[in-house]
Amino acid sequence: MKSLPQPIYEKHGKRAILLLHAYSGSPNDVRMLARFLEKSNYSVYAPMFTGHGTLAPNEILEQDAETWWQDTKQAIQFLYDEGFSDIAVLGLSMGGIFAVRALSEFPMIGGGFFCSPISPVENHVPENFENYVRQILKIAGESESMIEQQVESFRPRVQQQLTDIQEQAAITESKLSDIQKPVFMAQAGQDEMIDPYGVYETAKKLAHTDISLHWYPESKHVITVGIARKVFEKDVLDFLENLPWNEE
């Protein structure tokens, strides 16, 4: 049986990158990007959001999005405690919502998001969560009928949690005008989870700061492992290399 996902922490240079994973995902979402950045001497921390990374999908549904914002703040504190003063924060999907909020509330050096529904957009999160539940329960050895029963019973809670996440996105969106640091934005053109054009709404609200918007026409939602991964990784690195790191 495959081992369960674990947080990633690799200490290299003085530049620290906090990478936040997606809803119902795990640090595996950003593992390849983490490895790539480590090779360029960045220290990388990719924590696990509470309730994620297990074989029991209901553990996610027992949490709320405010807990995941607290997880984000704890992750930043962890990097401060490890002696890092220069931190950039980036996140995939839901992780990007919290990454951008962190940019508005903490003295980060820069950061951004990949395929994150910060401005309100149509989405297919509930269907995707159901597919995730089916996948996980199949690995856990549940029968087809039991799996479908569980999926059915989870539906109202998934809707409630989605509303919860959207409220967090609204908080982040309301703070966009506070951000003075450079912002990286990546959006997949073939995003099957959210309307990809929402990224332009977010970009408009960030027009007062230095933004770097990248569109990947062939990529799907989990852009960190997709078809344009190598180009995407290089774009992230270029953005990070140009931040005003304090090298003393």
C-alpha atoms as a PDB file:
ATOM      1  CA  MET A   1       0.000   0.000   0.000  1.00  0.00           C
ATOM      2  CA  LYS A   2       1.212   3.498  -0.844  1.00  0.00           C
ATOM      3  CA  SER A   3       2.444   5.520   2.106  1.00  0.00           C
ATOM      4  CA  LEU A   4       0.428   8.581   3.102  1.00  0.00           C
ATOM      5  CA  PRO A   5       1.607  12.061   2.062  1.00  0.00           C
ATOM      6  CA  GLN A   6       3.885  13.944   4.466  1.00  0.00           C
ATOM      7  CA  PRO A   7       4.769  17.621   4.902  1.00  0.00           C
ATOM      8  CA  ILE A   8       7.938  18.715   3.084  1.00  0.00           C
ATOM      9  CA  TYR A   9      10.698  20.701   4.754  1.00  0.00           C
ATOM     10  CA  GLU A  10      14.123  21.117   3.219  1.00  0.00           C
ATOM     11  CA  LYS A  11      16.530  23.689   4.588  1.00  0.00           C
ATOM     12  CA  HIS A  12      19.012  25.030   2.034  1.00  0.00           C
ATOM     13  CA  GLY A  13      19.756  28.720   1.542  1.00  0.00           C
ATOM     14  CA  LYS A  14      18.537  31.799   3.433  1.00  0.00           C
ATOM     15  CA  ARG A  15      15.615  32.329   1.065  1.00  0.00           C
ATOM     16  CA  ALA A  16      12.499  30.534   2.332  1.00  0.00           C
ATOM     17  CA  ILE A  17       9.508  29.514   0.231  1.00  0.00           C
ATOM     18  CA  LEU A  18       6.223  28.472   1.813  1.00  0.00           C
ATOM     19  CA  LEU A  19       4.167  26.287  -0.560  1.00  0.00           C
ATOM     20  CA  LEU A  20       0.491  25.650   0.244  1.00  0.00           C
ATOM     21  CA  HIS A  21      -1.452  22.748  -1.278  1.00  0.00           C
ATOM     22  CA  ALA A  22      -5.001  22.545  -2.638  1.00  0.00           C
ATOM     23  CA  TYR A  23      -8.303  21.614  -1.011  1.00  0.00           C
ATOM     24  CA  SER A  24      -8.492  17.805  -0.629  1.00  0.00           C
ATOM     25  CA  GLY A  25      -4.875  17.672  -1.817  1.00  0.00           C
ATOM     26  CA  SER A  26      -1.602  17.272   0.068  1.00  0.00           C
ATOM     27  CA  PRO A  27       2.016  18.485  -0.095  1.00  0.00           C
ATOM     28  CA  ASN A  28       2.356  16.033  -3.027  1.00  0.00           C
ATOM     29  CA  ASP A  29       0.553  18.728  -5.072  1.00  0.00           C
ATOM     30  CA  VAL A  30       3.677  20.883  -4.851  1.00  0.00           C
ATOM     31  CA  ARG A  31       6.374  18.239  -4.352  1.00  0.00           C
ATOM     32  CA  MET A  32       7.939  18.589  -7.829  1.00  0.00           C
ATOM     33  CA  LEU A  33       8.024  22.380  -7.551  1.00  0.00           C
ATOM     34  CA  ALA A  34       9.599  22.053  -4.079  1.00  0.00           C
ATOM     35  CA  ARG A  35      12.330  19.744  -5.418  1.00  0.00           C
ATOM     36  CA  PHE A  36      12.979  22.098  -8.326  1.00  0.00           C
ATOM     37  CA  LEU A  37      13.348  25.135  -6.040  1.00  0.00           C
ATOM     38  CA  GLU A  38      15.614  23.251  -3.619  1.00  0.00           C
ATOM     39  CA  LYS A  39      18.037  22.641  -6.480  1.00  0.00           C
ATOM     40  CA  SER A  40      18.299  26.427  -6.811  1.00  0.00           C
ATOM     41  CA  ASN A  41      19.228  26.674  -3.119  1.00  0.00           C
ATOM     42  CA  TYR A  42      15.842  27.744  -1.745  1.00  0.00           C
ATOM     43  CA  SER A  43      14.632  26.425   1.601  1.00  0.00           C
ATOM     44  CA  VAL A  44      11.132  25.031   1.056  1.00  0.00           C
ATOM     45  CA  TYR A  45       8.341  24.253   3.502  1.00  0.00           C
ATOM     46  CA  ALA A  46       5.101  22.636   2.333  1.00  0.00           C
ATOM     47  CA  PRO A  47       2.920  21.902   5.373  1.00  0.00           C
ATOM     48  CA  MET A  48      -0.230  19.740   5.433  1.00  0.00           C
ATOM     49  CA  PHE A  49      -3.602  21.382   6.054  1.00  0.00           C
ATOM     50  CA  THR A  50      -5.439  19.848   9.024  1.00  0.00           C
ATOM     51  CA  GLY A  51      -7.583  16.818   8.104  1.00  0.00           C
ATOM     52  CA  HIS A  52      -5.826  16.293   4.751  1.00  0.00           C
ATOM     53  CA  GLY A  53      -3.573  13.484   3.551  1.00  0.00           C
ATOM     54  CA  THR A  54      -5.456  10.565   5.173  1.00  0.00           C
ATOM     55  CA  LEU A  55      -7.546   7.639   3.911  1.00  0.00           C
ATOM     56  CA  ALA A  56     -10.642   9.087   5.639  1.00  0.00           C
ATOM     57  CA  PRO A  57     -12.163  11.893   3.516  1.00  0.00           C
ATOM     58  CA  ASN A  58     -14.587  12.831   6.313  1.00  0.00           C
ATOM     59  CA  GLU A  59     -11.565  14.151   8.255  1.00  0.00           C
ATOM     60  CA  ILE A  60     -11.421  17.064   5.806  1.00  0.00           C
ATOM     61  CA  LEU A  61     -15.155  17.709   6.238  1.00  0.00           C
ATOM     62  CA  GLU A  62     -14.733  17.871  10.021  1.00  0.00           C
ATOM     63  CA  GLN A  63     -12.523  20.968   9.606  1.00  0.00           C
ATOM     64  CA  ASP A  64     -13.375  24.492   8.545  1.00  0.00           C
ATOM     65  CA  ALA A  65     -11.518  26.918   6.323  1.00  0.00           C
ATOM     66  CA  GLU A  66     -10.663  29.175   9.279  1.00  0.00           C
ATOM     67  CA  THR A  67      -8.593  26.272  10.688  1.00  0.00           C
ATOM     68  CA  TRP A  68      -6.642  26.177   7.416  1.00  0.00           C
ATOM     69  CA  TRP A  69      -5.963  29.897   7.682  1.00  0.00           C
ATOM     70  CA  GLN A  70      -4.641  29.237  11.216  1.00  0.00           C
ATOM     71  CA  ASP A  71      -2.476  26.436   9.721  1.00  0.00           C
ATOM     72  CA  THR A  72      -1.074  28.994   7.257  1.00  0.00           C
ATOM     73  CA  LYS A  73      -0.192  31.420  10.063  1.00  0.00           C
ATOM     74  CA  GLN A  74       1.450  28.605  12.039  1.00  0.00           C
ATOM     75  CA  ALA A  75       3.514  27.659   8.976  1.00  0.00           C
ATOM     76  CA  ILE A  76       4.762  31.256   8.672  1.00  0.00           C
ATOM     77  CA  GLN A  77       5.612  31.275  12.383  1.00  0.00           C
ATOM     78  CA  PHE A  78       7.483  27.971  11.946  1.00  0.00           C
ATOM     79  CA  LEU A  79       9.708  29.586   9.284  1.00  0.00           C
ATOM     80  CA  TYR A  80      10.317  32.635  11.513  1.00  0.00           C
ATOM     81  CA  ASP A  81      11.265  30.256  14.347  1.00  0.00           C
ATOM     82  CA  GLU A  82      13.659  28.476  11.973  1.00  0.00           C
ATOM     83  CA  GLY A  83      15.490  31.779  11.545  1.00  0.00           C
ATOM     84  CA  PHE A  84      14.133  32.940   8.172  1.00  0.00           C
ATOM     85  CA  SER A  85      13.329  36.613   7.787  1.00  0.00           C
ATOM     86  CA  ASP A  86      12.819  36.622   4.006  1.00  0.00           C
ATOM     87  CA  ILE A  87       9.846  34.450   3.043  1.00  0.00           C
ATOM     88  CA  ALA A  88       7.870  34.160  -0.193  1.00  0.00           C
ATOM     89  CA  VAL A  89       4.506  32.373  -0.098  1.00  0.00           C
ATOM     90  CA  LEU A  90       2.834  30.566  -3.010  1.00  0.00           C
ATOM     91  CA  GLY A  91      -0.174  28.271  -3.165  1.00  0.00           C
ATOM     92  CA  LEU A  92      -2.197  26.051  -5.476  1.00  0.00           C
ATOM     93  CA  SER A  93      -5.967  26.573  -5.672  1.00  0.00           C
ATOM     94  CA  MET A  94      -7.254  26.948  -2.068  1.00  0.00           C
ATOM     95  CA  GLY A  95      -3.621  27.208  -0.936  1.00  0.00           C
ATOM     96  CA  GLY A  96      -3.312  30.277  -3.160  1.00  0.00           C
ATOM     97  CA  ILE A  97      -6.241  31.970  -1.408  1.00  0.00           C
ATOM     98  CA  PHE A  98      -4.348  31.719   1.887  1.00  0.00           C
ATOM     99  CA  ALA A  99      -0.991  32.593   0.288  1.00  0.00           C
ATOM    100  CA  VAL A 100      -2.379  35.871  -1.045  1.00  0.00           C
ATOM    101  CA  ARG A 101      -4.074  36.659   2.259  1.00  0.00           C
ATOM    102  CA  ALA A 102      -0.707  36.091   3.959  1.00  0.00           C
ATOM    103  CA  LEU A 103       0.850  38.559   1.488  1.00  0.00           C
ATOM    104  CA  SER A 104      -1.628  41.190   2.666  1.00  0.00           C
ATOM    105  CA  GLU A 105      -1.182  40.536   6.409  1.00  0.00           C
ATOM    106  CA  PHE A 106       2.485  39.537   6.904  1.00  0.00           C
ATOM    107  CA  PRO A 107       5.791  41.108   5.836  1.00  0.00           C
ATOM    108  CA  MET A 108       6.380  38.570   3.060  1.00  0.00           C
ATOM    109  CA  ILE A 109       8.880  39.443   0.346  1.00  0.00           C
ATOM    110  CA  GLY A 110       6.452  38.408  -2.404  1.00  0.00           C
ATOM    111  CA  GLY A 111       4.263  35.500  -3.448  1.00  0.00           C
ATOM    112  CA  GLY A 112       1.193  34.477  -5.343  1.00  0.00           C
ATOM    113  CA  PHE A 113      -1.129  31.754  -6.512  1.00  0.00           C
ATOM    114  CA  PHE A 114      -1.698  29.045  -9.091  1.00  0.00           C
ATOM    115  CA  CYS A 115      -5.278  28.484 -10.355  1.00  0.00           C
ATOM    116  CA  SER A 116      -6.924  30.021  -7.277  1.00  0.00           C
ATOM    117  CA  PRO A 117     -10.568  31.213  -7.200  1.00  0.00           C
ATOM    118  CA  ILE A 118      -9.883  34.501  -5.389  1.00  0.00           C
ATOM    119  CA  SER A 119     -12.432  36.467  -7.408  1.00  0.00           C
ATOM    120  CA  PRO A 120     -15.857  34.722  -7.510  1.00  0.00           C
ATOM    121  CA  VAL A 121     -16.001  32.208 -10.377  1.00  0.00           C
ATOM    122  CA  GLU A 122     -18.033  29.201 -11.411  1.00  0.00           C
ATOM    123  CA  ASN A 123     -16.431  26.045 -10.090  1.00  0.00           C
ATOM    124  CA  HIS A 124     -16.672  22.247 -10.073  1.00  0.00           C
ATOM    125  CA  VAL A 125     -15.243  21.654  -6.622  1.00  0.00           C
ATOM    126  CA  PRO A 126     -18.119  19.466  -5.284  1.00  0.00           C
ATOM    127  CA  GLU A 127     -17.919  16.975  -8.180  1.00  0.00           C
ATOM    128  CA  ASN A 128     -14.183  16.879  -7.844  1.00  0.00           C
ATOM    129  CA  PHE A 129     -14.422  16.201  -4.107  1.00  0.00           C
ATOM    130  CA  GLU A 130     -16.781  13.288  -4.835  1.00  0.00           C
ATOM    131  CA  ASN A 131     -14.241  11.805  -7.260  1.00  0.00           C
ATOM    132  CA  TYR A 132     -11.565  12.229  -4.606  1.00  0.00           C
ATOM    133  CA  VAL A 133     -13.771  10.398  -2.048  1.00  0.00           C
ATOM    134  CA  ARG A 134     -14.341   7.515  -4.502  1.00  0.00           C
ATOM    135  CA  GLN A 135     -10.618   7.238  -5.169  1.00  0.00           C
ATOM    136  CA  ILE A 136      -9.607   7.280  -1.486  1.00  0.00           C
ATOM    137  CA  LEU A 137     -12.294   4.830  -0.325  1.00  0.00           C
ATOM    138  CA  LYS A 138     -11.378   2.469  -3.168  1.00  0.00           C
ATOM    139  CA  ILE A 139      -7.751   2.487  -1.951  1.00  0.00           C
ATOM    140  CA  ALA A 140      -9.106   1.881   1.572  1.00  0.00           C
ATOM    141  CA  GLY A 141     -10.879  -1.245   0.245  1.00  0.00           C
ATOM    142  CA  GLU A 142     -14.532  -0.153   0.591  1.00  0.00           C
ATOM    143  CA  SER A 143     -17.232  -1.780  -1.594  1.00  0.00           C
ATOM    144  CA  GLU A 144     -18.837   0.150  -4.487  1.00  0.00           C
ATOM    145  CA  SER A 145     -22.209   0.400  -2.713  1.00  0.00           C
ATOM    146  CA  MET A 146     -20.595   1.589   0.508  1.00  0.00           C
ATOM    147  CA  ILE A 147     -18.589   4.198  -1.431  1.00  0.00           C
ATOM    148  CA  GLU A 148     -21.703   5.600  -3.146  1.00  0.00           C
ATOM    149  CA  GLN A 149     -23.542   5.740   0.192  1.00  0.00           C
ATOM    150  CA  GLN A 150     -20.699   7.745   1.688  1.00  0.00           C
ATOM    151  CA  VAL A 151     -20.518  10.103  -1.313  1.00  0.00           C
ATOM    152  CA  GLU A 152     -24.258  10.739  -0.955  1.00  0.00           C
ATOM    153  CA  SER A 153     -23.998  11.423   2.786  1.00  0.00           C
ATOM    154  CA  PHE A 154     -21.079  13.833   2.314  1.00  0.00           C
ATOM    155  CA  ARG A 155     -22.872  16.082  -0.219  1.00  0.00           C
ATOM    156  CA  PRO A 156     -24.459  18.652   2.140  1.00  0.00           C
ATOM    157  CA  ARG A 157     -21.206  18.944   4.109  1.00  0.00           C
ATOM    158  CA  VAL A 158     -19.183  19.486   0.941  1.00  0.00           C
ATOM    159  CA  GLN A 159     -21.525  22.317  -0.080  1.00  0.00           C
ATOM    160  CA  GLN A 160     -21.190  23.864   3.378  1.00  0.00           C
ATOM    161  CA  GLN A 161     -17.406  23.618   3.226  1.00  0.00           C
ATOM    162  CA  LEU A 162     -17.303  25.153  -0.236  1.00  0.00           C
ATOM    163  CA  THR A 163     -19.292  28.129   1.083  1.00  0.00           C
ATOM    164  CA  ASP A 164     -16.769  28.327   3.911  1.00  0.00           C
ATOM    165  CA  ILE A 165     -13.834  28.425   1.451  1.00  0.00           C
ATOM    166  CA  GLN A 166     -15.605  31.048  -0.662  1.00  0.00           C
ATOM    167  CA  GLU A 167     -15.936  33.220   2.449  1.00  0.00           C
ATOM    168  CA  GLN A 168     -12.158  32.953   2.931  1.00  0.00           C
ATOM    169  CA  ALA A 169     -11.665  33.906  -0.732  1.00  0.00           C
ATOM    170  CA  ALA A 170     -13.881  36.968  -0.182  1.00  0.00           C
ATOM    171  CA  ILE A 171     -11.709  38.032   2.792  1.00  0.00           C
ATOM    172  CA  THR A 172      -8.602  37.652   0.607  1.00  0.00           C
ATOM    173  CA  GLU A 173     -10.204  39.546  -2.276  1.00  0.00           C
ATOM    174  CA  SER A 174     -11.129  42.421   0.062  1.00  0.00           C
ATOM    175  CA  LYS A 175      -7.436  42.742   1.025  1.00  0.00           C
ATOM    176  CA  LEU A 176      -5.947  42.796  -2.492  1.00  0.00           C
ATOM    177  CA  SER A 177      -5.611  46.588  -2.415  1.00  0.00           C
ATOM    178  CA  ASP A 178      -3.406  46.277   0.718  1.00  0.00           C
ATOM    179  CA  ILE A 179      -0.743  44.247  -1.105  1.00  0.00           C
ATOM    180  CA  GLN A 180       2.406  46.184  -1.972  1.00  0.00           C
ATOM    181  CA  LYS A 181       4.650  43.198  -2.739  1.00  0.00           C
ATOM    182  CA  PRO A 182       5.219  41.536  -6.145  1.00  0.00           C
ATOM    183  CA  VAL A 183       2.533  38.958  -7.004  1.00  0.00           C
ATOM    184  CA  PHE A 184       2.901  35.877  -9.223  1.00  0.00           C
ATOM    185  CA  MET A 185      -0.241  34.527 -10.912  1.00  0.00           C
ATOM    186  CA  ALA A 186      -0.461  31.291 -12.881  1.00  0.00           C
ATOM    187  CA  GLN A 187      -3.612  30.109 -14.612  1.00  0.00           C
ATOM    188  CA  ALA A 188      -4.309  26.956 -16.609  1.00  0.00           C
ATOM    189  CA  GLY A 189      -6.298  27.529 -19.785  1.00  0.00           C
ATOM    190  CA  GLN A 190      -7.925  24.065 -19.577  1.00  0.00           C
ATOM    191  CA  ASP A 191      -8.792  24.392 -15.873  1.00  0.00           C
ATOM    192  CA  GLU A 192     -11.535  21.834 -15.188  1.00  0.00           C
ATOM    193  CA  MET A 193     -12.161  23.056 -11.623  1.00  0.00           C
ATOM    194  CA  ILE A 194     -12.640  26.825 -11.896  1.00  0.00           C
ATOM    195  CA  ASP A 195     -13.431  29.336 -14.639  1.00  0.00           C
ATOM    196  CA  PRO A 196      -9.912  30.288 -15.768  1.00  0.00           C
ATOM    197  CA  TYR A 197     -10.871  33.841 -16.729  1.00  0.00           C
ATOM    198  CA  GLY A 198     -11.412  34.816 -13.082  1.00  0.00           C
ATOM    199  CA  VAL A 199      -7.656  35.413 -12.865  1.00  0.00           C
ATOM    200  CA  TYR A 200      -8.091  38.623 -14.880  1.00  0.00           C
ATOM    201  CA  GLU A 201     -10.554  40.014 -12.315  1.00  0.00           C
ATOM    202  CA  THR A 202      -8.002  39.377  -9.585  1.00  0.00           C
ATOM    203  CA  ALA A 203      -5.239  40.938 -11.713  1.00  0.00           C
ATOM    204  CA  LYS A 204      -7.297  44.131 -12.150  1.00  0.00           C
ATOM    205  CA  LYS A 205      -7.545  44.500  -8.374  1.00  0.00           C
ATOM    206  CA  LEU A 206      -3.761  44.114  -8.092  1.00  0.00           C
ATOM    207  CA  ALA A 207      -2.960  46.661 -10.792  1.00  0.00           C
ATOM    208  CA  HIS A 208      -1.380  48.980  -8.171  1.00  0.00           C
ATOM    209  CA  THR A 209       1.467  46.537  -7.461  1.00  0.00           C
ATOM    210  CA  ASP A 210       4.012  44.626  -9.536  1.00  0.00           C
ATOM    211  CA  ILE A 211       2.235  41.593 -11.010  1.00  0.00           C
ATOM    212  CA  SER A 212       3.496  38.715 -13.111  1.00  0.00           C
ATOM    213  CA  LEU A 213       0.617  36.908 -14.848  1.00  0.00           C
ATOM    214  CA  HIS A 214       1.249  33.639 -16.675  1.00  0.00           C
ATOM    215  CA  TRP A 215      -1.315  31.777 -18.801  1.00  0.00           C
ATOM    216  CA  TYR A 216      -0.733  28.125 -19.702  1.00  0.00           C
ATOM    217  CA  PRO A 217      -3.195  27.355 -22.523  1.00  0.00           C
ATOM    218  CA  GLU A 218      -2.905  23.551 -22.456  1.00  0.00           C
ATOM    219  CA  SER A 219      -2.656  22.999 -18.688  1.00  0.00           C
ATOM    220  CA  LYS A 220      -5.288  21.627 -16.338  1.00  0.00           C
ATOM    221  CA  HIS A 221      -6.067  22.725 -12.757  1.00  0.00           C
ATOM    222  CA  VAL A 222      -3.168  20.980 -10.960  1.00  0.00           C
ATOM    223  CA  ILE A 223      -0.669  22.975 -12.979  1.00  0.00           C
ATOM    224  CA  THR A 224       2.216  21.874 -10.742  1.00  0.00           C
ATOM    225  CA  VAL A 225       2.218  18.363 -12.237  1.00  0.00           C
ATOM    226  CA  GLY A 226       0.760  19.056 -15.675  1.00  0.00           C
ATOM    227  CA  ILE A 227       1.812  19.291 -19.290  1.00  0.00           C
ATOM    228  CA  ALA A 228       3.556  22.701 -18.949  1.00  0.00           C
ATOM    229  CA  ARG A 229       5.196  21.874 -15.606  1.00  0.00           C
ATOM    230  CA  LYS A 230       8.770  22.653 -16.708  1.00  0.00           C
ATOM    231  CA  VAL A 231       7.854  26.042 -18.202  1.00  0.00           C
ATOM    232  CA  PHE A 232       5.744  26.814 -15.134  1.00  0.00           C
ATOM    233  CA  GLU A 233       8.607  25.906 -12.756  1.00  0.00           C
ATOM    234  CA  LYS A 234      11.007  28.131 -14.664  1.00  0.00           C
ATOM    235  CA  ASP A 235       8.502  31.025 -14.542  1.00  0.00           C
ATOM    236  CA  VAL A 236       8.149  30.607 -10.756  1.00  0.00           C
ATOM    237  CA  LEU A 237      11.938  30.551 -10.360  1.00  0.00           C
ATOM    238  CA  ASP A 238      12.375  33.670 -12.535  1.00  0.00           C
ATOM    239  CA  PHE A 239       9.812  35.478 -10.379  1.00  0.00           C
ATOM    240  CA  LEU A 240      11.558  34.419  -7.147  1.00  0.00           C
ATOM    241  CA  GLU A 241      15.021  35.323  -8.445  1.00  0.00           C
ATOM    242  CA  ASN A 242      13.818  38.881  -9.068  1.00  0.00           C
ATOM    243  CA  LEU A 243      12.430  39.481  -5.578  1.00  0.00           C
ATOM    244  CA  PRO A 244      14.373  41.937  -3.363  1.00  0.00           C
ATOM    245  CA  TRP A 245      15.976  39.297  -1.091  1.00  0.00           C
ATOM    246  CA  ASN A 246      18.059  40.662   1.753  1.00  0.00           C
ATOM    247  CA  GLU A 247      21.192  38.546   1.413  1.00  0.00           C
ATOM    248  CA  GLU A 248      23.122  39.771   4.478  1.00  0.00           C
END
